[in-house]
N, C-alpha and C. Protein backbone atom coordinates (compact mmCIF):
# COMPACT_ATOMS: atom_id res chain seq x y z
N MET A 1 45.28 -19.01 -74.26
CA MET A 1 45.02 -17.71 -73.66
C MET A 1 43.71 -17.79 -72.88
N ARG A 2 43.74 -17.26 -71.67
CA ARG A 2 42.53 -17.20 -70.84
C ARG A 2 41.96 -15.78 -70.91
N VAL A 3 40.70 -15.70 -71.29
CA VAL A 3 40.03 -14.41 -71.48
C VAL A 3 38.79 -14.38 -70.60
N SER A 4 38.64 -13.28 -69.86
CA SER A 4 37.46 -13.14 -69.01
C SER A 4 36.65 -11.92 -69.40
N PHE A 5 35.36 -12.02 -69.14
CA PHE A 5 34.42 -10.93 -69.38
C PHE A 5 33.73 -10.58 -68.07
N ASP A 6 33.54 -9.29 -67.86
CA ASP A 6 32.71 -8.81 -66.76
C ASP A 6 31.25 -9.03 -67.16
N LEU A 7 30.37 -9.01 -66.17
CA LEU A 7 28.94 -9.17 -66.47
C LEU A 7 28.23 -7.83 -66.60
N ASP A 8 27.98 -7.18 -65.47
CA ASP A 8 27.12 -6.00 -65.43
C ASP A 8 27.73 -4.81 -66.16
N GLY A 9 27.01 -4.34 -67.18
CA GLY A 9 27.47 -3.22 -67.99
C GLY A 9 28.34 -3.65 -69.15
N THR A 10 28.79 -4.92 -69.13
CA THR A 10 29.60 -5.44 -70.24
C THR A 10 28.80 -6.46 -71.04
N LEU A 11 28.28 -7.48 -70.37
CA LEU A 11 27.47 -8.49 -71.05
C LEU A 11 26.00 -8.44 -70.67
N ILE A 12 25.70 -7.86 -69.51
CA ILE A 12 24.31 -7.72 -69.04
C ILE A 12 24.04 -6.22 -68.90
N PRO A 13 22.99 -5.71 -69.56
CA PRO A 13 22.74 -4.27 -69.51
C PRO A 13 22.36 -3.77 -68.11
N LEU A 14 22.83 -2.56 -67.82
CA LEU A 14 22.47 -1.90 -66.56
C LEU A 14 21.69 -0.64 -66.89
N SER A 15 22.32 0.53 -66.71
CA SER A 15 21.62 1.80 -66.94
C SER A 15 21.38 2.05 -68.43
N PHE A 16 22.38 1.77 -69.24
CA PHE A 16 22.23 1.92 -70.69
C PHE A 16 21.83 0.56 -71.24
N VAL A 17 20.76 0.52 -71.99
CA VAL A 17 20.28 -0.75 -72.51
C VAL A 17 20.81 -0.95 -73.92
N PHE A 18 21.91 -1.71 -74.03
CA PHE A 18 22.45 -2.04 -75.34
C PHE A 18 21.66 -3.20 -75.93
N PRO A 19 21.79 -3.44 -77.23
CA PRO A 19 21.04 -4.53 -77.87
C PRO A 19 21.38 -5.88 -77.23
N THR A 20 20.35 -6.69 -77.02
CA THR A 20 20.53 -8.01 -76.43
C THR A 20 19.86 -9.06 -77.31
N TYR A 21 20.22 -10.31 -77.07
CA TYR A 21 19.56 -11.41 -77.78
C TYR A 21 18.11 -11.50 -77.31
N SER A 22 17.26 -11.96 -78.19
CA SER A 22 15.86 -12.20 -77.83
C SER A 22 15.80 -13.30 -76.77
N ARG A 23 14.92 -13.10 -75.81
CA ARG A 23 14.74 -14.13 -74.78
C ARG A 23 13.41 -14.81 -75.01
N SER A 24 13.42 -16.11 -74.85
CA SER A 24 12.18 -16.88 -74.99
C SER A 24 11.31 -16.66 -73.75
N ILE A 25 10.09 -17.10 -73.85
CA ILE A 25 9.20 -17.04 -72.68
C ILE A 25 9.81 -17.83 -71.54
N LEU A 26 10.41 -18.97 -71.85
CA LEU A 26 11.05 -19.79 -70.82
C LEU A 26 12.19 -19.03 -70.14
N HIS A 27 13.00 -18.32 -70.92
CA HIS A 27 14.06 -17.49 -70.34
C HIS A 27 13.46 -16.50 -69.33
N LYS A 28 12.39 -15.85 -69.76
CA LYS A 28 11.77 -14.83 -68.91
C LYS A 28 11.17 -15.44 -67.65
N VAL A 29 10.48 -16.58 -67.81
CA VAL A 29 9.87 -17.25 -66.66
C VAL A 29 10.94 -17.70 -65.66
N LEU A 30 12.06 -18.20 -66.19
CA LEU A 30 13.15 -18.67 -65.32
C LEU A 30 14.03 -17.54 -64.80
N GLY A 31 13.77 -16.32 -65.24
CA GLY A 31 14.55 -15.17 -64.77
C GLY A 31 15.94 -15.09 -65.37
N ILE A 32 16.10 -15.65 -66.58
CA ILE A 32 17.40 -15.58 -67.26
C ILE A 32 17.60 -14.15 -67.75
N GLU A 33 18.68 -13.53 -67.31
CA GLU A 33 18.95 -12.14 -67.68
C GLU A 33 19.34 -12.04 -69.15
N PRO A 34 19.11 -10.85 -69.74
CA PRO A 34 19.49 -10.66 -71.14
C PRO A 34 21.00 -10.72 -71.33
N MET A 35 21.42 -11.09 -72.54
CA MET A 35 22.85 -11.15 -72.90
C MET A 35 23.10 -10.22 -74.08
N ARG A 36 24.17 -9.48 -73.98
CA ARG A 36 24.54 -8.52 -75.02
C ARG A 36 24.64 -9.21 -76.38
N ALA A 37 23.94 -8.64 -77.35
CA ALA A 37 23.97 -9.17 -78.72
C ALA A 37 25.41 -9.12 -79.24
N GLY A 38 25.82 -10.18 -79.88
CA GLY A 38 27.16 -10.27 -80.43
C GLY A 38 28.12 -11.10 -79.59
N PHE A 39 27.75 -11.34 -78.32
CA PHE A 39 28.68 -12.08 -77.46
C PHE A 39 28.91 -13.50 -77.94
N MET A 40 27.87 -14.13 -78.48
CA MET A 40 28.05 -15.50 -78.96
C MET A 40 29.11 -15.55 -80.06
N ASP A 41 29.09 -14.58 -80.97
CA ASP A 41 30.09 -14.53 -82.03
C ASP A 41 31.50 -14.36 -81.46
N VAL A 42 31.63 -13.47 -80.47
CA VAL A 42 32.93 -13.24 -79.84
C VAL A 42 33.38 -14.52 -79.12
N TYR A 43 32.47 -15.15 -78.39
CA TYR A 43 32.78 -16.39 -77.66
C TYR A 43 33.31 -17.44 -78.63
N TYR A 44 32.58 -17.67 -79.74
CA TYR A 44 32.99 -18.71 -80.69
C TYR A 44 34.28 -18.33 -81.43
N PHE A 45 34.50 -17.05 -81.68
CA PHE A 45 35.76 -16.60 -82.27
C PHE A 45 36.93 -16.94 -81.35
N LEU A 46 36.78 -16.63 -80.08
CA LEU A 46 37.85 -16.91 -79.12
C LEU A 46 38.07 -18.41 -78.95
N LYS A 47 36.99 -19.18 -78.86
CA LYS A 47 37.10 -20.64 -78.72
C LYS A 47 37.77 -21.24 -79.95
N ALA A 48 37.45 -20.74 -81.14
CA ALA A 48 38.06 -21.24 -82.38
C ALA A 48 39.56 -20.97 -82.41
N ASN A 49 40.00 -20.00 -81.63
CA ASN A 49 41.42 -19.67 -81.54
C ASN A 49 42.04 -20.21 -80.25
N ASN A 50 41.44 -21.28 -79.75
CA ASN A 50 41.96 -22.03 -78.59
C ASN A 50 42.06 -21.23 -77.30
N CYS A 51 41.16 -20.29 -77.11
CA CYS A 51 41.12 -19.54 -75.86
C CYS A 51 40.18 -20.21 -74.87
N GLN A 52 40.51 -20.06 -73.60
CA GLN A 52 39.56 -20.39 -72.55
C GLN A 52 38.78 -19.11 -72.29
N VAL A 53 37.46 -19.21 -72.26
CA VAL A 53 36.61 -18.03 -72.10
C VAL A 53 35.77 -18.19 -70.84
N GLY A 54 35.81 -17.17 -69.99
CA GLY A 54 35.05 -17.25 -68.75
C GLY A 54 34.56 -15.90 -68.30
N ILE A 55 34.02 -15.91 -67.09
CA ILE A 55 33.44 -14.72 -66.47
C ILE A 55 34.25 -14.36 -65.24
N TYR A 56 34.54 -13.06 -65.10
CA TYR A 56 35.18 -12.53 -63.89
C TYR A 56 34.37 -11.30 -63.50
N THR A 57 33.61 -11.43 -62.43
CA THR A 57 32.68 -10.38 -62.03
C THR A 57 32.77 -10.11 -60.54
N THR A 58 32.44 -8.90 -60.16
CA THR A 58 32.33 -8.57 -58.74
C THR A 58 30.89 -8.71 -58.27
N SER A 59 30.09 -9.38 -59.07
CA SER A 59 28.70 -9.67 -58.70
C SER A 59 28.68 -10.80 -57.68
N TYR A 60 27.71 -10.75 -56.80
CA TYR A 60 27.53 -11.83 -55.83
C TYR A 60 26.61 -12.93 -56.35
N ARG A 61 26.28 -12.91 -57.65
CA ARG A 61 25.53 -14.03 -58.22
C ARG A 61 26.35 -15.30 -57.97
N SER A 62 25.67 -16.39 -57.72
CA SER A 62 26.40 -17.65 -57.50
C SER A 62 27.05 -18.11 -58.80
N GLN A 63 28.09 -18.92 -58.66
CA GLN A 63 28.73 -19.47 -59.85
C GLN A 63 27.73 -20.32 -60.63
N MET A 64 26.86 -21.03 -59.93
CA MET A 64 25.86 -21.86 -60.60
C MET A 64 24.89 -20.99 -61.40
N LYS A 65 24.48 -19.87 -60.83
CA LYS A 65 23.55 -18.98 -61.55
C LYS A 65 24.21 -18.44 -62.83
N ILE A 66 25.47 -18.07 -62.73
CA ILE A 66 26.19 -17.55 -63.90
C ILE A 66 26.37 -18.66 -64.94
N TYR A 67 26.71 -19.85 -64.48
CA TYR A 67 26.86 -20.99 -65.39
C TYR A 67 25.55 -21.27 -66.12
N CYS A 68 24.45 -21.29 -65.38
CA CYS A 68 23.13 -21.54 -65.99
C CYS A 68 22.74 -20.43 -66.96
N TRP A 69 23.10 -19.18 -66.63
CA TRP A 69 22.82 -18.05 -67.52
C TRP A 69 23.51 -18.27 -68.87
N MET A 70 24.79 -18.63 -68.83
CA MET A 70 25.50 -18.86 -70.09
C MET A 70 24.95 -20.08 -70.82
N LEU A 71 24.67 -21.13 -70.08
CA LEU A 71 24.14 -22.35 -70.68
C LEU A 71 22.79 -22.10 -71.35
N ALA A 72 22.00 -21.18 -70.78
CA ALA A 72 20.69 -20.85 -71.36
C ALA A 72 20.83 -20.25 -72.76
N TYR A 73 22.00 -19.70 -73.05
CA TYR A 73 22.28 -19.15 -74.38
C TYR A 73 23.15 -20.10 -75.21
N GLY A 74 23.34 -21.31 -74.71
CA GLY A 74 24.09 -22.33 -75.44
C GLY A 74 25.60 -22.23 -75.31
N LEU A 75 26.08 -21.51 -74.30
CA LEU A 75 27.52 -21.32 -74.10
C LEU A 75 27.97 -22.02 -72.82
N LYS A 76 29.18 -22.53 -72.84
CA LYS A 76 29.72 -23.20 -71.66
C LYS A 76 31.00 -22.48 -71.23
N PRO A 77 30.97 -21.81 -70.09
CA PRO A 77 32.16 -21.09 -69.65
C PRO A 77 33.25 -22.06 -69.18
N ASP A 78 34.50 -21.70 -69.43
CA ASP A 78 35.62 -22.50 -68.96
C ASP A 78 35.92 -22.24 -67.49
N PHE A 79 35.54 -21.06 -67.01
CA PHE A 79 35.75 -20.72 -65.60
C PHE A 79 34.79 -19.59 -65.23
N ILE A 80 34.50 -19.51 -63.94
CA ILE A 80 33.65 -18.44 -63.42
C ILE A 80 34.25 -17.96 -62.10
N ILE A 81 34.54 -16.67 -62.03
CA ILE A 81 35.00 -16.06 -60.80
C ILE A 81 33.95 -15.03 -60.41
N ASN A 82 33.29 -15.27 -59.29
CA ASN A 82 32.32 -14.30 -58.78
C ASN A 82 32.95 -13.53 -57.63
N GLU A 83 32.21 -12.62 -57.03
CA GLU A 83 32.78 -11.78 -55.98
C GLU A 83 33.21 -12.58 -54.76
N LYS A 84 32.48 -13.63 -54.43
CA LYS A 84 32.85 -14.45 -53.27
C LYS A 84 34.26 -15.03 -53.45
N LEU A 85 34.51 -15.65 -54.59
CA LEU A 85 35.83 -16.22 -54.87
C LEU A 85 36.87 -15.13 -55.05
N ASN A 86 36.50 -14.04 -55.71
CA ASN A 86 37.41 -12.92 -55.93
C ASN A 86 37.90 -12.34 -54.61
N ARG A 87 36.98 -12.02 -53.70
CA ARG A 87 37.36 -11.44 -52.40
C ARG A 87 38.28 -12.38 -51.63
N LYS A 88 37.92 -13.65 -51.58
CA LYS A 88 38.72 -14.65 -50.84
C LYS A 88 40.14 -14.71 -51.40
N THR A 89 40.26 -14.80 -52.71
CA THR A 89 41.57 -14.93 -53.35
C THR A 89 42.40 -13.66 -53.18
N LEU A 90 41.79 -12.50 -53.41
CA LEU A 90 42.55 -11.25 -53.29
C LEU A 90 42.94 -10.99 -51.84
N TYR A 91 42.09 -11.36 -50.89
CA TYR A 91 42.42 -11.21 -49.47
C TYR A 91 43.64 -12.07 -49.12
N GLU A 92 43.63 -13.31 -49.60
CA GLU A 92 44.75 -14.22 -49.33
C GLU A 92 46.05 -13.70 -49.93
N LYS A 93 45.98 -12.94 -51.00
CA LYS A 93 47.16 -12.38 -51.64
C LYS A 93 47.51 -10.99 -51.09
N GLY A 94 46.69 -10.49 -50.16
CA GLY A 94 46.93 -9.19 -49.56
C GLY A 94 46.68 -8.03 -50.50
N LEU A 95 45.76 -8.22 -51.44
CA LEU A 95 45.45 -7.17 -52.41
C LEU A 95 44.13 -6.50 -52.08
N GLY A 96 44.12 -5.20 -52.00
CA GLY A 96 42.91 -4.44 -51.71
C GLY A 96 42.35 -3.75 -52.93
N ILE A 97 42.26 -4.45 -54.03
CA ILE A 97 41.74 -3.88 -55.26
C ILE A 97 40.48 -4.64 -55.68
N SER A 98 39.75 -4.09 -56.64
CA SER A 98 38.48 -4.72 -57.02
C SER A 98 38.67 -5.99 -57.84
N LYS A 99 39.62 -5.98 -58.77
CA LYS A 99 39.88 -7.15 -59.62
C LYS A 99 41.37 -7.26 -59.89
N TYR A 100 41.83 -8.50 -59.95
CA TYR A 100 43.23 -8.76 -60.30
C TYR A 100 43.28 -10.05 -61.10
N PRO A 101 43.06 -9.96 -62.42
CA PRO A 101 43.01 -11.15 -63.27
C PRO A 101 44.20 -12.10 -63.16
N PRO A 102 45.44 -11.61 -62.99
CA PRO A 102 46.55 -12.56 -62.87
C PRO A 102 46.40 -13.55 -61.70
N ALA A 103 45.65 -13.20 -60.68
CA ALA A 103 45.43 -14.12 -59.56
C ALA A 103 44.69 -15.37 -60.01
N PHE A 104 44.03 -15.30 -61.16
CA PHE A 104 43.26 -16.43 -61.70
C PHE A 104 43.84 -16.89 -63.05
N GLU A 105 45.08 -16.48 -63.31
CA GLU A 105 45.79 -16.84 -64.54
C GLU A 105 45.04 -16.38 -65.80
N ILE A 106 44.39 -15.23 -65.68
CA ILE A 106 43.67 -14.63 -66.81
C ILE A 106 44.64 -13.71 -67.56
N ASP A 107 44.71 -13.90 -68.87
CA ASP A 107 45.63 -13.10 -69.69
C ASP A 107 45.05 -11.75 -70.07
N VAL A 108 43.75 -11.71 -70.41
CA VAL A 108 43.09 -10.45 -70.79
C VAL A 108 41.69 -10.45 -70.19
N HIS A 109 41.34 -9.33 -69.55
CA HIS A 109 40.01 -9.16 -68.99
C HIS A 109 39.29 -8.06 -69.76
N ILE A 110 38.00 -8.26 -70.03
CA ILE A 110 37.19 -7.29 -70.77
C ILE A 110 36.15 -6.73 -69.81
N ASP A 111 36.13 -5.40 -69.67
CA ASP A 111 35.29 -4.76 -68.65
C ASP A 111 34.85 -3.40 -69.16
N ASP A 112 33.83 -2.84 -68.49
CA ASP A 112 33.34 -1.51 -68.85
C ASP A 112 33.71 -0.45 -67.81
N GLN A 113 34.36 -0.85 -66.73
CA GLN A 113 34.65 0.07 -65.63
C GLN A 113 36.03 0.72 -65.76
N LYS A 114 36.05 2.05 -65.77
CA LYS A 114 37.31 2.78 -65.87
C LYS A 114 38.20 2.54 -64.65
N GLY A 115 37.59 2.27 -63.51
CA GLY A 115 38.37 1.98 -62.30
C GLY A 115 39.22 0.73 -62.46
N VAL A 116 38.68 -0.27 -63.15
CA VAL A 116 39.44 -1.49 -63.39
C VAL A 116 40.60 -1.18 -64.34
N MET A 117 40.39 -0.29 -65.29
CA MET A 117 41.46 0.13 -66.20
C MET A 117 42.58 0.82 -65.41
N MET A 118 42.22 1.66 -64.45
CA MET A 118 43.23 2.33 -63.63
C MET A 118 44.01 1.30 -62.81
N GLU A 119 43.30 0.29 -62.29
CA GLU A 119 43.99 -0.77 -61.54
C GLU A 119 44.92 -1.56 -62.46
N SER A 120 44.52 -1.75 -63.70
CA SER A 120 45.38 -2.50 -64.64
C SER A 120 46.68 -1.75 -64.90
N ASP A 121 46.62 -0.42 -64.96
CA ASP A 121 47.83 0.38 -65.14
C ASP A 121 48.74 0.26 -63.92
N LYS A 122 48.14 0.32 -62.75
CA LYS A 122 48.92 0.28 -61.51
C LYS A 122 49.48 -1.11 -61.21
N TYR A 123 48.69 -2.15 -61.48
CA TYR A 123 49.08 -3.52 -61.10
C TYR A 123 49.51 -4.37 -62.30
N ASP A 124 49.66 -3.74 -63.46
CA ASP A 124 50.23 -4.37 -64.65
C ASP A 124 49.50 -5.64 -65.10
N PHE A 125 48.24 -5.48 -65.47
CA PHE A 125 47.53 -6.57 -66.13
C PHE A 125 46.79 -6.02 -67.34
N LYS A 126 46.46 -6.93 -68.27
CA LYS A 126 45.84 -6.50 -69.53
C LYS A 126 44.32 -6.45 -69.40
N ILE A 127 43.79 -5.33 -69.87
CA ILE A 127 42.34 -5.15 -69.89
C ILE A 127 41.95 -4.50 -71.22
N LEU A 128 40.83 -4.92 -71.72
CA LEU A 128 40.22 -4.25 -72.86
C LEU A 128 39.00 -3.54 -72.31
N LEU A 129 39.04 -2.21 -72.29
CA LEU A 129 37.94 -1.41 -71.76
C LEU A 129 36.91 -1.19 -72.86
N LEU A 130 35.67 -1.57 -72.57
CA LEU A 130 34.57 -1.38 -73.51
C LEU A 130 33.58 -0.38 -72.96
N ASP A 131 33.20 0.56 -73.78
CA ASP A 131 32.12 1.47 -73.42
C ASP A 131 30.81 0.74 -73.69
N GLU A 132 29.91 0.76 -72.71
CA GLU A 132 28.64 0.05 -72.90
C GLU A 132 27.84 0.61 -74.07
N LYS A 133 28.16 1.83 -74.50
CA LYS A 133 27.45 2.44 -75.63
C LYS A 133 28.13 2.15 -76.97
N GLU A 134 29.24 1.43 -76.95
CA GLU A 134 29.97 1.09 -78.18
C GLU A 134 29.14 0.15 -79.03
N SER A 135 28.65 0.66 -80.16
CA SER A 135 27.77 -0.16 -81.01
C SER A 135 28.55 -1.23 -81.78
N LYS A 136 29.82 -0.97 -82.05
CA LYS A 136 30.65 -1.94 -82.79
C LYS A 136 31.56 -2.71 -81.84
N TRP A 137 31.08 -2.96 -80.63
CA TRP A 137 31.89 -3.59 -79.60
C TRP A 137 32.44 -4.95 -80.03
N LYS A 138 31.62 -5.72 -80.75
CA LYS A 138 32.03 -7.05 -81.20
C LYS A 138 33.28 -6.96 -82.07
N GLN A 139 33.29 -6.03 -83.00
CA GLN A 139 34.44 -5.86 -83.89
C GLN A 139 35.65 -5.35 -83.12
N VAL A 140 35.43 -4.48 -82.14
CA VAL A 140 36.53 -3.98 -81.31
C VAL A 140 37.23 -5.15 -80.63
N VAL A 141 36.46 -6.07 -80.06
CA VAL A 141 37.03 -7.23 -79.36
C VAL A 141 37.75 -8.15 -80.35
N ILE A 142 37.11 -8.46 -81.46
CA ILE A 142 37.71 -9.36 -82.44
C ILE A 142 39.00 -8.76 -83.00
N ASP A 143 39.00 -7.46 -83.30
CA ASP A 143 40.22 -6.80 -83.80
C ASP A 143 41.33 -6.85 -82.76
N TYR A 144 40.98 -6.62 -81.50
CA TYR A 144 41.97 -6.64 -80.42
C TYR A 144 42.65 -8.01 -80.35
N PHE A 145 41.86 -9.07 -80.38
CA PHE A 145 42.42 -10.42 -80.23
C PHE A 145 43.04 -10.95 -81.51
N SER A 146 42.64 -10.44 -82.65
CA SER A 146 43.19 -10.91 -83.93
C SER A 146 44.70 -10.71 -84.00
N ARG A 147 45.21 -9.72 -83.33
CA ARG A 147 46.66 -9.49 -83.37
C ARG A 147 47.45 -10.56 -82.63
N PHE A 148 46.77 -11.35 -81.79
CA PHE A 148 47.45 -12.42 -81.06
C PHE A 148 47.42 -13.74 -81.82
N PHE A 149 46.56 -13.88 -82.81
CA PHE A 149 46.38 -15.18 -83.47
C PHE A 149 47.00 -15.19 -84.86
């Protein structure tokens, strides 16, 4: 199973500051953005169940920057789709929507945007919508995926 996570508002705090992992001085000096607390547990849970885990974002951060961000926390993504690749792929498929996980063979996408949920209903793809204020978000994700394993 291929599982993707959005960045901004899902794994990286925006307007609402959810709990994040502590960053070292080196993280701060290098400009490594904070990561939502609990993501490492979710990542390792999914990997232990033979999932490919990656990032699917409409951010224009480079794939290398996203890769280095995850690596800074000891995680290695199986794939990274940023806005540059997303726009190119969706344009080639004639799709005028913000995200379409099936274009990248993603089985389930995890996001905080209600607009992506509306697109999932219209274009028939699986999404797990997370509220950035959900304090038990880690358990919500693990419970969701536990039914598949």
